[in-house]
Amino acid sequence: MKQVLTRSPDETRALAADLAARLQAGDVLALHGELGAGKTCFIQGIAQALQVDQPVSSPTYTLVNEYRGRLPLYHIDLYRLRTADDALNMGLDEYLEGAGVTAIEWAERAETALPERTIHVRLEHGGTEQERQVRIEASERV
């Protein structure tokens, strides 16, 4: 487990970019944190490092945004779903087995459907408005 205090959105994106340098096709990131904790900001850093050249925003209403880069990035937001069955019915399993990196906001809503190798990223508000406490729980490879 890696725990880091970031002091700005730029530092949060830089931490994510550092992680993205070690990601491979098939990797799954489960992002956890309350509203405004920095989940989308973290995924923006992943996207930048994967050389995605378009703006990245949360797919709260579309559920999934797909981006092209060094590896495809599948950005999924499960906020509007209630259960793992709901997520599987919307096709989550196809992304989990895809040829890119899958980053899931509100991943706890599909916890039982996530692969064992999932990288969990937990973001919490820090002592100031800009600070975030970020915990990355992953295998030794990342």
N, C-alpha and C. Protein backbone atom coordinates (compact mmCIF):
# COMPACT_ATOMS: atom_id res chain seq x y z
N MET A 1 0.85 -1.18 0.00
CA MET A 1 0.00 0.00 0.00
C MET A 1 0.89 1.24 0.00
N LYS A 2 0.46 2.21 -0.78
CA LYS A 2 1.17 3.49 -0.85
C LYS A 2 0.20 4.57 -0.38
N GLN A 3 0.65 5.44 0.51
CA GLN A 3 -0.19 6.53 0.99
C GLN A 3 0.53 7.85 0.77
N VAL A 4 -0.17 8.80 0.14
CA VAL A 4 0.44 10.08 -0.23
C VAL A 4 -0.54 11.20 0.08
N LEU A 5 -0.03 12.30 0.59
CA LEU A 5 -0.82 13.51 0.75
C LEU A 5 -0.49 14.42 -0.43
N THR A 6 -1.50 14.73 -1.25
CA THR A 6 -1.29 15.69 -2.33
C THR A 6 -1.84 17.03 -1.88
N ARG A 7 -1.21 18.10 -2.33
CA ARG A 7 -1.58 19.44 -1.87
C ARG A 7 -2.31 20.28 -2.91
N SER A 8 -2.55 19.68 -4.10
CA SER A 8 -3.25 20.41 -5.16
C SER A 8 -3.76 19.40 -6.19
N PRO A 9 -4.71 19.83 -7.02
CA PRO A 9 -5.15 18.95 -8.10
C PRO A 9 -4.00 18.53 -9.03
N ASP A 10 -3.06 19.45 -9.27
CA ASP A 10 -1.91 19.10 -10.12
C ASP A 10 -1.09 17.97 -9.49
N GLU A 11 -0.90 18.01 -8.16
CA GLU A 11 -0.16 16.93 -7.50
C GLU A 11 -0.94 15.62 -7.54
N THR A 12 -2.26 15.69 -7.44
CA THR A 12 -3.08 14.48 -7.53
C THR A 12 -2.96 13.88 -8.93
N ARG A 13 -3.03 14.72 -9.96
CA ARG A 13 -2.88 14.23 -11.34
C ARG A 13 -1.47 13.66 -11.56
N ALA A 14 -0.45 14.29 -10.99
CA ALA A 14 0.93 13.80 -11.13
C ALA A 14 1.09 12.43 -10.46
N LEU A 15 0.48 12.24 -9.31
CA LEU A 15 0.53 10.94 -8.64
C LEU A 15 -0.13 9.88 -9.52
N ALA A 16 -1.25 10.22 -10.11
CA ALA A 16 -1.94 9.28 -11.00
C ALA A 16 -1.10 8.97 -12.23
N ALA A 17 -0.44 9.98 -12.78
CA ALA A 17 0.41 9.77 -13.96
C ALA A 17 1.57 8.83 -13.64
N ASP A 18 2.11 8.96 -12.43
CA ASP A 18 3.18 8.07 -12.00
C ASP A 18 2.68 6.62 -11.98
N LEU A 19 1.49 6.41 -11.47
CA LEU A 19 0.90 5.07 -11.46
C LEU A 19 0.64 4.59 -12.88
N ALA A 20 0.13 5.47 -13.73
CA ALA A 20 -0.23 5.09 -15.10
C ALA A 20 0.97 4.60 -15.90
N ALA A 21 2.15 5.07 -15.57
CA ALA A 21 3.36 4.65 -16.29
C ALA A 21 3.59 3.14 -16.16
N ARG A 22 3.00 2.54 -15.12
CA ARG A 22 3.20 1.10 -14.89
C ARG A 22 1.96 0.27 -15.23
N LEU A 23 0.92 0.91 -15.72
CA LEU A 23 -0.30 0.19 -16.04
C LEU A 23 -0.17 -0.56 -17.36
N GLN A 24 -0.92 -1.65 -17.45
CA GLN A 24 -0.92 -2.49 -18.65
C GLN A 24 -2.36 -2.75 -19.07
N ALA A 25 -2.52 -3.20 -20.30
CA ALA A 25 -3.85 -3.58 -20.80
C ALA A 25 -4.44 -4.60 -19.85
N GLY A 26 -5.71 -4.42 -19.51
CA GLY A 26 -6.40 -5.32 -18.60
C GLY A 26 -6.40 -4.87 -17.15
N ASP A 27 -5.63 -3.83 -16.82
CA ASP A 27 -5.62 -3.34 -15.44
C ASP A 27 -6.94 -2.63 -15.13
N VAL A 28 -7.39 -2.81 -13.89
CA VAL A 28 -8.63 -2.21 -13.42
C VAL A 28 -8.32 -1.37 -12.19
N LEU A 29 -8.78 -0.11 -12.21
CA LEU A 29 -8.63 0.80 -11.09
C LEU A 29 -10.01 1.04 -10.49
N ALA A 30 -10.15 0.80 -9.20
CA ALA A 30 -11.39 1.07 -8.48
C ALA A 30 -11.16 2.31 -7.63
N LEU A 31 -11.87 3.39 -7.94
CA LEU A 31 -11.69 4.64 -7.21
C LEU A 31 -12.81 4.80 -6.18
N HIS A 32 -12.40 5.10 -4.95
CA HIS A 32 -13.31 5.24 -3.83
C HIS A 32 -13.14 6.62 -3.22
N GLY A 33 -14.24 7.24 -2.83
CA GLY A 33 -14.19 8.53 -2.17
C GLY A 33 -15.51 9.24 -2.32
N GLU A 34 -15.79 10.13 -1.38
CA GLU A 34 -17.06 10.85 -1.43
C GLU A 34 -17.06 11.86 -2.57
N LEU A 35 -18.19 12.49 -2.80
CA LEU A 35 -18.28 13.53 -3.82
C LEU A 35 -17.22 14.59 -3.59
N GLY A 36 -16.52 14.98 -4.65
CA GLY A 36 -15.51 16.02 -4.55
C GLY A 36 -14.17 15.57 -3.98
N ALA A 37 -13.99 14.27 -3.80
CA ALA A 37 -12.74 13.77 -3.20
C ALA A 37 -11.58 13.76 -4.18
N GLY A 38 -11.85 13.86 -5.48
CA GLY A 38 -10.77 13.90 -6.46
C GLY A 38 -10.68 12.69 -7.38
N LYS A 39 -11.73 11.89 -7.45
CA LYS A 39 -11.71 10.69 -8.29
C LYS A 39 -11.50 11.05 -9.76
N THR A 40 -12.29 11.99 -10.27
CA THR A 40 -12.16 12.38 -11.67
C THR A 40 -10.80 13.04 -11.92
N CYS A 41 -10.34 13.85 -10.99
CA CYS A 41 -9.02 14.48 -11.11
C CYS A 41 -7.94 13.41 -11.24
N PHE A 42 -8.03 12.36 -10.44
CA PHE A 42 -7.06 11.27 -10.49
C PHE A 42 -7.10 10.60 -11.87
N ILE A 43 -8.30 10.37 -12.38
CA ILE A 43 -8.43 9.73 -13.70
C ILE A 43 -7.91 10.65 -14.79
N GLN A 44 -8.04 11.96 -14.63
CA GLN A 44 -7.45 12.89 -15.59
C GLN A 44 -5.93 12.71 -15.66
N GLY A 45 -5.29 12.47 -14.53
CA GLY A 45 -3.85 12.22 -14.52
C GLY A 45 -3.50 10.92 -15.21
N ILE A 46 -4.32 9.88 -15.00
CA ILE A 46 -4.13 8.61 -15.70
C ILE A 46 -4.21 8.85 -17.21
N ALA A 47 -5.26 9.57 -17.62
CA ALA A 47 -5.48 9.83 -19.04
C ALA A 47 -4.32 10.60 -19.66
N GLN A 48 -3.84 11.61 -18.96
CA GLN A 48 -2.72 12.39 -19.48
C GLN A 48 -1.50 11.50 -19.71
N ALA A 49 -1.21 10.64 -18.76
CA ALA A 49 -0.04 9.76 -18.89
C ALA A 49 -0.24 8.71 -19.98
N LEU A 50 -1.50 8.35 -20.25
CA LEU A 50 -1.79 7.40 -21.32
C LEU A 50 -1.89 8.09 -22.68
N GLN A 51 -1.57 9.38 -22.72
CA GLN A 51 -1.55 10.19 -23.93
C GLN A 51 -2.93 10.36 -24.56
N VAL A 52 -3.95 10.45 -23.72
CA VAL A 52 -5.28 10.80 -24.19
C VAL A 52 -5.26 12.28 -24.52
N ASP A 53 -5.72 12.65 -25.72
CA ASP A 53 -5.60 14.05 -26.14
C ASP A 53 -6.94 14.78 -26.18
N GLN A 54 -7.90 14.33 -25.39
CA GLN A 54 -9.16 15.04 -25.31
C GLN A 54 -9.52 15.25 -23.84
N PRO A 55 -10.39 16.22 -23.57
CA PRO A 55 -10.76 16.49 -22.17
C PRO A 55 -11.44 15.26 -21.52
N VAL A 56 -11.14 15.04 -20.27
CA VAL A 56 -11.70 13.91 -19.51
C VAL A 56 -12.64 14.47 -18.45
N SER A 57 -13.89 14.02 -18.52
CA SER A 57 -14.87 14.43 -17.50
C SER A 57 -15.61 13.19 -17.04
N SER A 58 -16.27 13.31 -15.90
CA SER A 58 -16.95 12.16 -15.32
C SER A 58 -18.17 11.77 -16.15
N PRO A 59 -18.32 10.50 -16.45
CA PRO A 59 -19.47 10.03 -17.25
C PRO A 59 -20.69 9.70 -16.39
N THR A 60 -21.05 10.58 -15.49
CA THR A 60 -22.13 10.31 -14.53
C THR A 60 -23.43 9.93 -15.24
N TYR A 61 -23.76 10.58 -16.34
CA TYR A 61 -25.04 10.30 -17.01
C TYR A 61 -24.91 9.32 -18.16
N THR A 62 -23.73 9.23 -18.76
CA THR A 62 -23.53 8.28 -19.85
C THR A 62 -23.00 6.95 -19.34
N LEU A 63 -22.53 6.89 -18.12
CA LEU A 63 -21.96 5.74 -17.42
C LEU A 63 -20.55 5.39 -17.88
N VAL A 64 -20.25 5.50 -19.18
CA VAL A 64 -18.92 5.12 -19.68
C VAL A 64 -18.44 6.13 -20.72
N ASN A 65 -17.20 6.56 -20.58
CA ASN A 65 -16.51 7.31 -21.63
C ASN A 65 -15.30 6.48 -22.05
N GLU A 66 -15.10 6.36 -23.34
CA GLU A 66 -13.95 5.64 -23.87
C GLU A 66 -13.00 6.64 -24.52
N TYR A 67 -11.72 6.49 -24.22
CA TYR A 67 -10.70 7.40 -24.75
C TYR A 67 -9.60 6.58 -25.42
N ARG A 68 -9.05 7.15 -26.48
CA ARG A 68 -7.92 6.53 -27.17
C ARG A 68 -6.63 7.19 -26.69
N GLY A 69 -5.61 6.35 -26.47
CA GLY A 69 -4.30 6.83 -26.06
C GLY A 69 -3.30 5.71 -26.27
N ARG A 70 -2.18 5.76 -25.56
CA ARG A 70 -1.19 4.68 -25.62
C ARG A 70 -1.88 3.34 -25.37
N LEU A 71 -2.80 3.32 -24.43
CA LEU A 71 -3.73 2.21 -24.18
C LEU A 71 -5.12 2.83 -24.16
N PRO A 72 -6.15 2.08 -24.58
CA PRO A 72 -7.50 2.61 -24.42
C PRO A 72 -7.79 2.82 -22.93
N LEU A 73 -8.55 3.86 -22.62
CA LEU A 73 -8.97 4.14 -21.26
C LEU A 73 -10.50 4.09 -21.23
N TYR A 74 -11.02 3.23 -20.35
CA TYR A 74 -12.46 3.12 -20.16
C TYR A 74 -12.77 3.75 -18.80
N HIS A 75 -13.44 4.89 -18.83
CA HIS A 75 -13.76 5.65 -17.62
C HIS A 75 -15.22 5.40 -17.30
N ILE A 76 -15.47 4.73 -16.20
CA ILE A 76 -16.82 4.30 -15.83
C ILE A 76 -17.22 4.98 -14.53
N ASP A 77 -18.47 5.44 -14.46
CA ASP A 77 -19.00 6.06 -13.24
C ASP A 77 -20.25 5.29 -12.83
N LEU A 78 -20.19 4.63 -11.69
CA LEU A 78 -21.31 3.80 -11.23
C LEU A 78 -22.20 4.51 -10.22
N TYR A 79 -22.08 5.82 -10.09
CA TYR A 79 -22.81 6.58 -9.08
C TYR A 79 -24.32 6.33 -9.15
N ARG A 80 -24.86 6.23 -10.35
CA ARG A 80 -26.30 6.09 -10.53
C ARG A 80 -26.79 4.65 -10.40
N LEU A 81 -25.87 3.71 -10.26
CA LEU A 81 -26.26 2.31 -10.14
C LEU A 81 -26.29 1.90 -8.67
N ARG A 82 -26.98 0.83 -8.38
CA ARG A 82 -27.13 0.39 -6.99
C ARG A 82 -26.36 -0.89 -6.66
N THR A 83 -26.29 -1.83 -7.62
CA THR A 83 -25.73 -3.14 -7.31
C THR A 83 -24.75 -3.60 -8.37
N ALA A 84 -24.01 -4.65 -8.04
CA ALA A 84 -23.09 -5.26 -9.00
C ALA A 84 -23.88 -5.82 -10.19
N ASP A 85 -25.07 -6.35 -9.95
CA ASP A 85 -25.90 -6.85 -11.05
C ASP A 85 -26.25 -5.73 -12.02
N ASP A 86 -26.57 -4.55 -11.50
CA ASP A 86 -26.85 -3.40 -12.37
C ASP A 86 -25.64 -3.09 -13.24
N ALA A 87 -24.45 -3.13 -12.64
CA ALA A 87 -23.22 -2.84 -13.38
C ALA A 87 -22.95 -3.91 -14.45
N LEU A 88 -23.17 -5.15 -14.11
CA LEU A 88 -22.97 -6.22 -15.08
C LEU A 88 -23.98 -6.12 -16.21
N ASN A 89 -25.21 -5.74 -15.89
CA ASN A 89 -26.24 -5.58 -16.92
C ASN A 89 -25.92 -4.45 -17.89
N MET A 90 -25.16 -3.45 -17.44
CA MET A 90 -24.77 -2.37 -18.35
C MET A 90 -23.50 -2.72 -19.13
N GLY A 91 -22.94 -3.91 -18.92
CA GLY A 91 -21.79 -4.37 -19.71
C GLY A 91 -20.45 -4.20 -19.03
N LEU A 92 -20.42 -4.02 -17.72
CA LEU A 92 -19.15 -3.81 -17.02
C LEU A 92 -18.14 -4.91 -17.30
N ASP A 93 -18.60 -6.15 -17.34
CA ASP A 93 -17.67 -7.27 -17.53
C ASP A 93 -16.90 -7.17 -18.84
N GLU A 94 -17.50 -6.59 -19.88
CA GLU A 94 -16.80 -6.43 -21.16
C GLU A 94 -15.62 -5.47 -21.01
N TYR A 95 -15.77 -4.44 -20.20
CA TYR A 95 -14.68 -3.50 -19.98
C TYR A 95 -13.60 -4.10 -19.09
N LEU A 96 -14.02 -4.89 -18.10
CA LEU A 96 -13.04 -5.51 -17.20
C LEU A 96 -12.14 -6.48 -17.94
N GLU A 97 -12.62 -7.01 -19.03
CA GLU A 97 -11.85 -7.96 -19.83
C GLU A 97 -11.31 -7.32 -21.10
N GLY A 98 -11.36 -5.99 -21.17
CA GLY A 98 -10.98 -5.27 -22.37
C GLY A 98 -9.48 -5.16 -22.57
N ALA A 99 -9.14 -4.50 -23.67
CA ALA A 99 -7.74 -4.36 -24.07
C ALA A 99 -7.11 -3.07 -23.56
N GLY A 100 -7.78 -2.42 -22.62
CA GLY A 100 -7.26 -1.16 -22.12
C GLY A 100 -7.23 -1.13 -20.60
N VAL A 101 -7.17 0.08 -20.07
CA VAL A 101 -7.21 0.33 -18.64
C VAL A 101 -8.63 0.76 -18.29
N THR A 102 -9.21 0.13 -17.28
CA THR A 102 -10.56 0.47 -16.85
C THR A 102 -10.47 1.19 -15.51
N ALA A 103 -11.00 2.41 -15.46
CA ALA A 103 -11.01 3.21 -14.23
C ALA A 103 -12.46 3.43 -13.83
N ILE A 104 -12.82 3.00 -12.61
CA ILE A 104 -14.22 2.99 -12.18
C ILE A 104 -14.41 3.89 -10.97
N GLU A 105 -15.22 4.94 -11.13
CA GLU A 105 -15.62 5.77 -9.99
C GLU A 105 -16.81 5.11 -9.31
N TRP A 106 -16.89 5.24 -7.98
CA TRP A 106 -17.95 4.61 -7.18
C TRP A 106 -17.91 3.10 -7.35
N ALA A 107 -16.71 2.55 -7.39
CA ALA A 107 -16.49 1.13 -7.65
C ALA A 107 -17.10 0.22 -6.59
N GLU A 108 -17.31 0.75 -5.38
CA GLU A 108 -17.88 -0.08 -4.32
C GLU A 108 -19.27 -0.58 -4.68
N ARG A 109 -19.92 0.05 -5.65
CA ARG A 109 -21.26 -0.39 -6.06
C ARG A 109 -21.21 -1.66 -6.90
N ALA A 110 -20.02 -2.06 -7.31
CA ALA A 110 -19.86 -3.30 -8.07
C ALA A 110 -18.72 -4.15 -7.50
N GLU A 111 -18.45 -3.98 -6.23
CA GLU A 111 -17.30 -4.61 -5.58
C GLU A 111 -17.21 -6.11 -5.88
N THR A 112 -18.33 -6.81 -5.81
CA THR A 112 -18.30 -8.27 -6.00
C THR A 112 -18.01 -8.67 -7.44
N ALA A 113 -18.13 -7.74 -8.38
CA ALA A 113 -17.87 -8.06 -9.79
C ALA A 113 -16.43 -7.74 -10.21
N LEU A 114 -15.68 -7.07 -9.34
CA LEU A 114 -14.33 -6.65 -9.71
C LEU A 114 -13.35 -7.82 -9.62
N PRO A 115 -12.38 -7.86 -10.54
CA PRO A 115 -11.38 -8.93 -10.48
C PRO A 115 -10.49 -8.79 -9.24
N GLU A 116 -9.92 -9.88 -8.82
CA GLU A 116 -9.05 -9.91 -7.63
C GLU A 116 -7.85 -8.98 -7.78
N ARG A 117 -7.37 -8.82 -8.98
CA ARG A 117 -6.17 -8.01 -9.25
C ARG A 117 -6.45 -6.50 -9.28
N THR A 118 -7.67 -6.09 -8.98
CA THR A 118 -8.06 -4.67 -9.04
C THR A 118 -7.15 -3.81 -8.15
N ILE A 119 -6.77 -2.67 -8.68
CA ILE A 119 -5.99 -1.67 -7.94
C ILE A 119 -6.99 -0.71 -7.30
N HIS A 120 -6.99 -0.62 -6.00
CA HIS A 120 -7.93 0.25 -5.29
C HIS A 120 -7.24 1.57 -4.95
N VAL A 121 -7.90 2.67 -5.32
CA VAL A 121 -7.41 4.01 -5.03
C VAL A 121 -8.45 4.69 -4.15
N ARG A 122 -8.05 5.04 -2.94
CA ARG A 122 -8.97 5.66 -1.98
C ARG A 122 -8.55 7.11 -1.76
N LEU A 123 -9.47 8.01 -2.05
CA LEU A 123 -9.20 9.45 -1.93
C LEU A 123 -10.08 10.04 -0.84
N GLU A 124 -9.46 10.84 0.02
CA GLU A 124 -10.18 11.52 1.09
C GLU A 124 -9.73 12.97 1.15
N HIS A 125 -10.64 13.82 1.58
CA HIS A 125 -10.30 15.24 1.78
C HIS A 125 -9.21 15.34 2.84
N GLY A 126 -8.29 16.27 2.63
CA GLY A 126 -7.23 16.51 3.60
C GLY A 126 -7.58 17.67 4.52
N GLY A 127 -6.56 18.27 5.11
CA GLY A 127 -6.76 19.34 6.07
C GLY A 127 -7.14 20.67 5.45
N THR A 128 -6.86 20.86 4.16
CA THR A 128 -7.27 22.08 3.46
C THR A 128 -8.14 21.69 2.28
N GLU A 129 -8.73 22.68 1.64
CA GLU A 129 -9.62 22.43 0.50
C GLU A 129 -8.89 21.73 -0.65
N GLN A 130 -7.61 22.01 -0.82
CA GLN A 130 -6.84 21.45 -1.93
C GLN A 130 -6.20 20.09 -1.63
N GLU A 131 -6.02 19.77 -0.36
CA GLU A 131 -5.31 18.54 0.01
C GLU A 131 -6.19 17.31 -0.13
N ARG A 132 -5.52 16.22 -0.56
CA ARG A 132 -6.17 14.92 -0.64
C ARG A 132 -5.24 13.86 -0.07
N GLN A 133 -5.80 12.98 0.72
CA GLN A 133 -5.08 11.82 1.23
C GLN A 133 -5.39 10.69 0.24
N VAL A 134 -4.37 10.15 -0.41
CA VAL A 134 -4.56 9.13 -1.44
C VAL A 134 -3.87 7.85 -1.01
N ARG A 135 -4.63 6.75 -0.97
CA ARG A 135 -4.08 5.43 -0.67
C ARG A 135 -4.25 4.56 -1.91
N ILE A 136 -3.15 3.96 -2.33
CA ILE A 136 -3.17 3.06 -3.47
C ILE A 136 -2.86 1.67 -2.96
N GLU A 137 -3.81 0.76 -3.14
CA GLU A 137 -3.67 -0.62 -2.69
C GLU A 137 -3.55 -1.49 -3.94
N ALA A 138 -2.36 -2.05 -4.15
CA ALA A 138 -2.11 -2.78 -5.39
C ALA A 138 -1.05 -3.83 -5.18
N SER A 139 -0.88 -4.64 -6.22
CA SER A 139 0.19 -5.62 -6.22
C SER A 139 1.54 -4.91 -6.32
N GLU A 140 2.59 -5.64 -6.16
CA GLU A 140 3.93 -5.04 -6.20
C GLU A 140 4.28 -4.47 -7.56
N ARG A 141 3.66 -4.96 -8.64
CA ARG A 141 3.99 -4.49 -9.99
C ARG A 141 3.73 -2.99 -10.15
N VAL A 142 2.68 -2.51 -9.50
CA VAL A 142 2.35 -1.09 -9.65
C VAL A 142 2.70 -0.37 -8.38
